[in-house]
Amino acid sequence: VIDECFILTSMAYDRYVAICKPLLYKVSMSHQICLMLTVGVYAMGLVGAMANTACMLRLSFCDGNIINHYMCDIPPLLQLSCTSTSINELEIFIVVGVNVIVPSVTVSVSYTLILLNILRIRSAEGRSKAFSTCSSHIIVVSLFFGSSAFMYLKPFPARSLDEDKVSTIFYTIVGPMVNPFIYSLRNKDVQIALRKTLKKRVV
């Protein structure tokens, strides 16, 4: 999940460079910079996972071993603990806060700069092309960050496991499932193939 946060942030930076500094794109998004962004993404994921694992190791668990969730997520695991989970709750809030707020602010700044740049484009066609370049990424970012924030940034006493399950489905299953459709439907070849397939089914 943390990796996904920072991959989406890197993609926002890529969109910013492509629209606001197109002549410097090959320099700003060189192979070395892409490699550094990728290493940074996985490093953030590793740090977050290590923090969560280290805090879970201090807990002791009761007899119950059935997790009330469809995956082994942290909040349902904390409910099985016999010891105080206040440190874990604080750690989750900090880790998730950093990994949702920092990318969200970065994405927001990127898109604010992109929007200001798009508004300077005089031709309607140019503006439309720039907006279509960003629209798919904005949809994915909204779906992912919205459901993640709803899931992890709520106070623990106010949590409902049923709501948590629905939120988790959005950022673990629905998001990755719709990504190919969101990104590929912008491709003209895919649009033509889809129209042909739909026509055949109607006829």
C-alpha atoms as a PDB file:
ATOM      1  CA  VAL A   1       0.000   0.000   0.000  1.00  0.00           C
ATOM      2  CA  ILE A   2       2.843   2.383   0.857  1.00  0.00           C
ATOM      3  CA  ASP A   3       4.570   1.532  -2.425  1.00  0.00           C
ATOM      4  CA  GLU A   4       1.345   2.301  -4.295  1.00  0.00           C
ATOM      5  CA  CYS A   5       1.130   5.712  -2.544  1.00  0.00           C
ATOM      6  CA  PHE A   6       4.582   6.685  -3.730  1.00  0.00           C
ATOM      7  CA  ILE A   7       4.204   5.181  -7.212  1.00  0.00           C
ATOM      8  CA  LEU A   8       1.115   7.370  -7.708  1.00  0.00           C
ATOM      9  CA  THR A   9       3.141  10.343  -6.402  1.00  0.00           C
ATOM     10  CA  SER A  10       5.948   9.593  -8.871  1.00  0.00           C
ATOM     11  CA  MET A  11       3.356   9.404 -11.658  1.00  0.00           C
ATOM     12  CA  ALA A  12       2.034  12.840 -10.633  1.00  0.00           C
ATOM     13  CA  TYR A  13       5.577  14.215 -10.894  1.00  0.00           C
ATOM     14  CA  ASP A  14       5.882  12.566 -14.324  1.00  0.00           C
ATOM     15  CA  ARG A  15       2.638  14.273 -15.464  1.00  0.00           C
ATOM     16  CA  TYR A  16       3.901  17.610 -14.091  1.00  0.00           C
ATOM     17  CA  VAL A  17       7.171  17.368 -16.040  1.00  0.00           C
ATOM     18  CA  ALA A  18       5.387  16.181 -19.212  1.00  0.00           C
ATOM     19  CA  ILE A  19       2.914  19.098 -19.209  1.00  0.00           C
ATOM     20  CA  CYS A  20       4.803  21.947 -17.533  1.00  0.00           C
ATOM     21  CA  LYS A  21       8.348  21.261 -18.782  1.00  0.00           C
ATOM     22  CA  PRO A  22       7.967  19.178 -21.950  1.00  0.00           C
ATOM     23  CA  LEU A  23      11.314  20.278 -23.434  1.00  0.00           C
ATOM     24  CA  LEU A  24      13.156  19.070 -20.315  1.00  0.00           C
ATOM     25  CA  TYR A  25      11.214  15.800 -20.038  1.00  0.00           C
ATOM     26  CA  LYS A  26      14.033  13.492 -21.190  1.00  0.00           C
ATOM     27  CA  VAL A  27      16.442  15.152 -18.743  1.00  0.00           C
ATOM     28  CA  SER A  28      14.002  15.389 -15.797  1.00  0.00           C
ATOM     29  CA  MET A  29      12.752  11.807 -16.259  1.00  0.00           C
ATOM     30  CA  SER A  30      16.017  10.192 -17.325  1.00  0.00           C
ATOM     31  CA  HIS A  31      16.717   6.508 -16.709  1.00  0.00           C
ATOM     32  CA  GLN A  32      18.754   7.368 -13.592  1.00  0.00           C
ATOM     33  CA  ILE A  33      15.986   9.542 -12.101  1.00  0.00           C
ATOM     34  CA  CYS A  34      13.359   6.857 -12.801  1.00  0.00           C
ATOM     35  CA  LEU A  35      15.613   4.303 -11.103  1.00  0.00           C
ATOM     36  CA  MET A  36      16.078   6.608  -8.088  1.00  0.00           C
ATOM     37  CA  LEU A  37      12.302   7.149  -7.851  1.00  0.00           C
ATOM     38  CA  THR A  38      11.723   3.381  -7.987  1.00  0.00           C
ATOM     39  CA  VAL A  39      14.327   2.685  -5.293  1.00  0.00           C
ATOM     40  CA  GLY A  40      12.803   5.465  -3.150  1.00  0.00           C
ATOM     41  CA  VAL A  41       9.315   3.970  -3.561  1.00  0.00           C
ATOM     42  CA  TYR A  42      10.428   0.521  -2.406  1.00  0.00           C
ATOM     43  CA  ALA A  43      12.568   1.972   0.406  1.00  0.00           C
ATOM     44  CA  MET A  44       9.518   3.812   1.820  1.00  0.00           C
ATOM     45  CA  GLY A  45       7.494   0.596   1.642  1.00  0.00           C
ATOM     46  CA  LEU A  46      10.241  -1.336   3.436  1.00  0.00           C
ATOM     47  CA  VAL A  47      10.571   1.278   6.200  1.00  0.00           C
ATOM     48  CA  GLY A  48       6.795   1.279   6.760  1.00  0.00           C
ATOM     49  CA  ALA A  49       6.622  -2.530   6.834  1.00  0.00           C
ATOM     50  CA  MET A  50       9.542  -2.720   9.279  1.00  0.00           C
ATOM     51  CA  ALA A  51       7.901  -0.160  11.600  1.00  0.00           C
ATOM     52  CA  ASN A  52       4.608  -2.096  11.581  1.00  0.00           C
ATOM     53  CA  THR A  53       6.329  -5.454  12.128  1.00  0.00           C
ATOM     54  CA  ALA A  54       8.548  -4.144  14.957  1.00  0.00           C
ATOM     55  CA  CYS A  55       5.518  -2.749  16.804  1.00  0.00           C
ATOM     56  CA  MET A  56       3.524  -5.975  16.315  1.00  0.00           C
ATOM     57  CA  LEU A  57       6.348  -8.057  17.846  1.00  0.00           C
ATOM     58  CA  ARG A  58       5.855  -6.411  21.252  1.00  0.00           C
ATOM     59  CA  LEU A  59       2.232  -7.606  21.487  1.00  0.00           C
ATOM     60  CA  SER A  60       1.011 -10.848  22.994  1.00  0.00           C
ATOM     61  CA  PHE A  61      -2.148 -12.476  21.645  1.00  0.00           C
ATOM     62  CA  CYS A  62      -5.030 -14.239  23.388  1.00  0.00           C
ATOM     63  CA  ASP A  63      -6.596 -17.575  22.544  1.00  0.00           C
ATOM     64  CA  GLY A  64      -8.681 -16.188  19.659  1.00  0.00           C
ATOM     65  CA  ASN A  65      -6.992 -16.718  16.331  1.00  0.00           C
ATOM     66  CA  ILE A  66      -9.786 -15.848  13.887  1.00  0.00           C
ATOM     67  CA  ILE A  67      -9.251 -12.501  12.162  1.00  0.00           C
ATOM     68  CA  ASN A  68     -12.501 -10.653  11.434  1.00  0.00           C
ATOM     69  CA  HIS A  69     -11.378  -9.571   7.971  1.00  0.00           C
ATOM     70  CA  TYR A  70     -10.721 -11.005   4.533  1.00  0.00           C
ATOM     71  CA  MET A  71      -6.976 -10.350   4.833  1.00  0.00           C
ATOM     72  CA  CYS A  72      -4.386 -10.168   7.608  1.00  0.00           C
ATOM     73  CA  ASP A  73      -4.569  -6.402   8.098  1.00  0.00           C
ATOM     74  CA  ILE A  74      -3.194  -4.550  11.121  1.00  0.00           C
ATOM     75  CA  PRO A  75      -6.389  -3.184  12.798  1.00  0.00           C
ATOM     76  CA  PRO A  76      -8.116  -6.626  12.954  1.00  0.00           C
ATOM     77  CA  LEU A  77      -4.880  -8.142  14.326  1.00  0.00           C
ATOM     78  CA  LEU A  78      -4.763  -5.508  17.071  1.00  0.00           C
ATOM     79  CA  GLN A  79      -8.232  -6.597  18.209  1.00  0.00           C
ATOM     80  CA  LEU A  80      -6.833 -10.058  19.031  1.00  0.00           C
ATOM     81  CA  SER A  81      -4.151  -8.637  21.342  1.00  0.00           C
ATOM     82  CA  CYS A  82      -4.302  -9.167  25.116  1.00  0.00           C
ATOM     83  CA  THR A  83      -1.908  -6.271  25.766  1.00  0.00           C
ATOM     84  CA  SER A  84      -2.343  -2.542  25.280  1.00  0.00           C
ATOM     85  CA  THR A  85      -2.237  -1.507  21.608  1.00  0.00           C
ATOM     86  CA  SER A  86      -1.944   2.258  22.185  1.00  0.00           C
ATOM     87  CA  ILE A  87       1.676   2.384  20.916  1.00  0.00           C
ATOM     88  CA  ASN A  88       0.661   0.409  17.812  1.00  0.00           C
ATOM     89  CA  GLU A  89      -2.285   2.728  17.185  1.00  0.00           C
ATOM     90  CA  LEU A  90       0.016   5.756  17.450  1.00  0.00           C
ATOM     91  CA  GLU A  91       2.585   4.109  15.139  1.00  0.00           C
ATOM     92  CA  ILE A  92      -0.100   3.298  12.531  1.00  0.00           C
ATOM     93  CA  PHE A  93      -1.409   6.868  12.701  1.00  0.00           C
ATOM     94  CA  ILE A  94       2.114   8.299  12.201  1.00  0.00           C
ATOM     95  CA  VAL A  95       3.166   5.872   9.436  1.00  0.00           C
ATOM     96  CA  VAL A  96      -0.119   6.213   7.564  1.00  0.00           C
ATOM     97  CA  GLY A  97      -0.212   9.967   8.167  1.00  0.00           C
ATOM     98  CA  VAL A  98       3.233  10.394   6.604  1.00  0.00           C
ATOM     99  CA  ASN A  99       2.499   7.977   3.769  1.00  0.00           C
ATOM    100  CA  VAL A 100      -0.876   9.491   2.889  1.00  0.00           C
ATOM    101  CA  ILE A 101      -0.350  13.185   3.674  1.00  0.00           C
ATOM    102  CA  VAL A 102       3.103  13.634   2.066  1.00  0.00           C
ATOM    103  CA  PRO A 103       2.072  11.981  -1.236  1.00  0.00           C
ATOM    104  CA  SER A 104      -1.344  13.717  -1.179  1.00  0.00           C
ATOM    105  CA  VAL A 105       0.266  17.145  -0.739  1.00  0.00           C
ATOM    106  CA  THR A 106       2.853  16.354  -3.447  1.00  0.00           C
ATOM    107  CA  VAL A 107       0.130  15.194  -5.863  1.00  0.00           C
ATOM    108  CA  SER A 108      -2.016  18.265  -5.034  1.00  0.00           C
ATOM    109  CA  VAL A 109       0.911  20.663  -5.633  1.00  0.00           C
ATOM    110  CA  SER A 110       1.763  18.871  -8.903  1.00  0.00           C
ATOM    111  CA  TYR A 111      -1.806  19.120 -10.174  1.00  0.00           C
ATOM    112  CA  THR A 112      -2.185  22.745  -9.044  1.00  0.00           C
ATOM    113  CA  LEU A 113       0.904  23.630 -11.112  1.00  0.00           C
ATOM    114  CA  ILE A 114      -0.403  21.530 -14.004  1.00  0.00           C
ATOM    115  CA  LEU A 115      -3.809  23.267 -13.845  1.00  0.00           C
ATOM    116  CA  LEU A 116      -2.196  26.721 -13.826  1.00  0.00           C
ATOM    117  CA  ASN A 117      -0.115  25.673 -16.829  1.00  0.00           C
ATOM    118  CA  ILE A 118      -3.146  24.251 -18.674  1.00  0.00           C
ATOM    119  CA  LEU A 119      -5.096  27.486 -18.141  1.00  0.00           C
ATOM    120  CA  ARG A 120      -2.312  29.344 -19.982  1.00  0.00           C
ATOM    121  CA  ILE A 121      -2.786  27.158 -23.085  1.00  0.00           C
ATOM    122  CA  ARG A 122      -4.748  29.181 -25.618  1.00  0.00           C
ATOM    123  CA  SER A 123      -6.157  26.445 -27.857  1.00  0.00           C
ATOM    124  CA  ALA A 124      -9.146  24.418 -26.638  1.00  0.00           C
ATOM    125  CA  GLU A 125      -7.655  21.314 -28.246  1.00  0.00           C
ATOM    126  CA  GLY A 126      -4.390  21.752 -26.324  1.00  0.00           C
ATOM    127  CA  ARG A 127      -6.249  22.209 -23.032  1.00  0.00           C
ATOM    128  CA  SER A 128      -8.414  19.160 -23.730  1.00  0.00           C
ATOM    129  CA  LYS A 129      -5.358  17.020 -24.531  1.00  0.00           C
ATOM    130  CA  ALA A 130      -3.590  18.140 -21.342  1.00  0.00           C
ATOM    131  CA  PHE A 131      -6.682  17.443 -19.211  1.00  0.00           C
ATOM    132  CA  SER A 132      -7.134  13.975 -20.754  1.00  0.00           C
ATOM    133  CA  THR A 133      -3.485  13.186 -19.935  1.00  0.00           C
ATOM    134  CA  CYS A 134      -4.204  13.803 -16.248  1.00  0.00           C
ATOM    135  CA  SER A 135      -7.804  12.619 -15.836  1.00  0.00           C
ATOM    136  CA  SER A 136      -7.089   8.889 -15.521  1.00  0.00           C
ATOM    137  CA  HIS A 137      -4.387   9.439 -12.908  1.00  0.00           C
ATOM    138  CA  ILE A 138      -6.618  11.794 -10.888  1.00  0.00           C
ATOM    139  CA  ILE A 139      -9.366   9.126 -10.781  1.00  0.00           C
ATOM    140  CA  VAL A 140      -6.931   6.454  -9.537  1.00  0.00           C
ATOM    141  CA  VAL A 141      -5.367   8.820  -6.963  1.00  0.00           C
ATOM    142  CA  SER A 142      -8.784   9.871  -5.604  1.00  0.00           C
ATOM    143  CA  LEU A 143      -9.969   6.266  -5.301  1.00  0.00           C
ATOM    144  CA  PHE A 144      -6.780   5.038  -3.646  1.00  0.00           C
ATOM    145  CA  PHE A 145      -5.985   7.908  -1.263  1.00  0.00           C
ATOM    146  CA  GLY A 146      -9.625   8.455  -0.332  1.00  0.00           C
ATOM    147  CA  SER A 147     -10.204   4.841   0.712  1.00  0.00           C
ATOM    148  CA  SER A 148      -6.780   4.567   2.424  1.00  0.00           C
ATOM    149  CA  ALA A 149      -7.296   7.722   4.478  1.00  0.00           C
ATOM    150  CA  PHE A 150     -10.844   6.629   5.411  1.00  0.00           C
ATOM    151  CA  MET A 151      -9.485   3.262   6.537  1.00  0.00           C
ATOM    152  CA  TYR A 152      -6.432   4.220   8.594  1.00  0.00           C
ATOM    153  CA  LEU A 153      -6.811   7.814   9.765  1.00  0.00           C
ATOM    154  CA  LYS A 154      -9.948   7.209  11.845  1.00  0.00           C
ATOM    155  CA  PRO A 155      -9.628   6.998  15.660  1.00  0.00           C
ATOM    156  CA  PHE A 156      -9.451   3.335  16.746  1.00  0.00           C
ATOM    157  CA  PRO A 157     -12.394   3.374  19.215  1.00  0.00           C
ATOM    158  CA  ALA A 158     -14.665   4.728  16.456  1.00  0.00           C
ATOM    159  CA  ARG A 159     -13.722   1.990  13.978  1.00  0.00           C
ATOM    160  CA  SER A 160     -16.260  -0.342  12.400  1.00  0.00           C
ATOM    161  CA  LEU A 161     -14.750  -3.530  10.976  1.00  0.00           C
ATOM    162  CA  ASP A 162     -17.488  -3.735   8.324  1.00  0.00           C
ATOM    163  CA  GLU A 163     -16.596  -0.231   7.071  1.00  0.00           C
ATOM    164  CA  ASP A 164     -12.917  -1.185   7.202  1.00  0.00           C
ATOM    165  CA  LYS A 165     -13.565  -4.237   5.020  1.00  0.00           C
ATOM    166  CA  VAL A 166     -15.347  -2.125   2.394  1.00  0.00           C
ATOM    167  CA  SER A 167     -12.537   0.472   2.449  1.00  0.00           C
ATOM    168  CA  THR A 168      -9.895  -2.224   2.139  1.00  0.00           C
ATOM    169  CA  ILE A 169     -11.692  -3.732  -0.862  1.00  0.00           C
ATOM    170  CA  PHE A 170     -11.478  -0.350  -2.613  1.00  0.00           C
ATOM    171  CA  TYR A 171      -7.721   0.133  -2.286  1.00  0.00           C
ATOM    172  CA  THR A 172      -6.650  -3.526  -2.541  1.00  0.00           C
ATOM    173  CA  ILE A 173      -9.035  -4.936  -5.171  1.00  0.00           C
ATOM    174  CA  VAL A 174     -11.190  -2.303  -6.912  1.00  0.00           C
ATOM    175  CA  GLY A 175      -8.322   0.142  -7.566  1.00  0.00           C
ATOM    176  CA  PRO A 176      -5.898  -2.346  -9.130  1.00  0.00           C
ATOM    177  CA  MET A 177      -8.794  -3.986 -11.022  1.00  0.00           C
ATOM    178  CA  VAL A 178      -9.975  -0.750 -12.681  1.00  0.00           C
ATOM    179  CA  ASN A 179      -6.442   0.597 -13.357  1.00  0.00           C
ATOM    180  CA  PRO A 180      -6.080  -1.233 -16.693  1.00  0.00           C
ATOM    181  CA  PHE A 181      -9.476   0.083 -17.830  1.00  0.00           C
ATOM    182  CA  ILE A 182      -8.826   3.643 -16.653  1.00  0.00           C
ATOM    183  CA  TYR A 183      -5.416   3.875 -18.309  1.00  0.00           C
ATOM    184  CA  SER A 184      -6.002   1.771 -21.430  1.00  0.00           C
ATOM    185  CA  LEU A 185      -9.347   3.318 -22.420  1.00  0.00           C
ATOM    186  CA  ARG A 186      -7.458   6.515 -23.242  1.00  0.00           C
ATOM    187  CA  ASN A 187      -5.631   4.598 -25.978  1.00  0.00           C
ATOM    188  CA  LYS A 188      -7.350   5.069 -29.365  1.00  0.00           C
ATOM    189  CA  ASP A 189      -6.587   1.507 -30.503  1.00  0.00           C
ATOM    190  CA  VAL A 190      -8.238   0.127 -27.366  1.00  0.00           C
ATOM    191  CA  GLN A 191     -11.265   2.409 -27.872  1.00  0.00           C
ATOM    192  CA  ILE A 192     -11.686   1.189 -31.478  1.00  0.00           C
ATOM    193  CA  ALA A 193     -11.345  -2.465 -30.421  1.00  0.00           C
ATOM    194  CA  LEU A 194     -13.894  -1.938 -27.614  1.00  0.00           C
ATOM    195  CA  ARG A 195     -16.390  -0.327 -30.022  1.00  0.00           C
ATOM    196  CA  LYS A 196     -16.011  -3.225 -32.474  1.00  0.00           C
ATOM    197  CA  THR A 197     -16.532  -5.769 -29.686  1.00  0.00           C
ATOM    198  CA  LEU A 198     -19.633  -3.955 -28.390  1.00  0.00           C
ATOM    199  CA  LYS A 199     -21.089  -3.710 -31.922  1.00  0.00           C
ATOM    200  CA  LYS A 200     -20.617  -7.464 -32.450  1.00  0.00           C
ATOM    201  CA  ARG A 201     -22.384  -8.224 -29.162  1.00  0.00           C
ATOM    202  CA  VAL A 202     -25.287  -5.904 -29.977  1.00  0.00           C
ATOM    203  CA  VAL A 203     -25.682  -7.446 -33.467  1.00  0.00           C
END
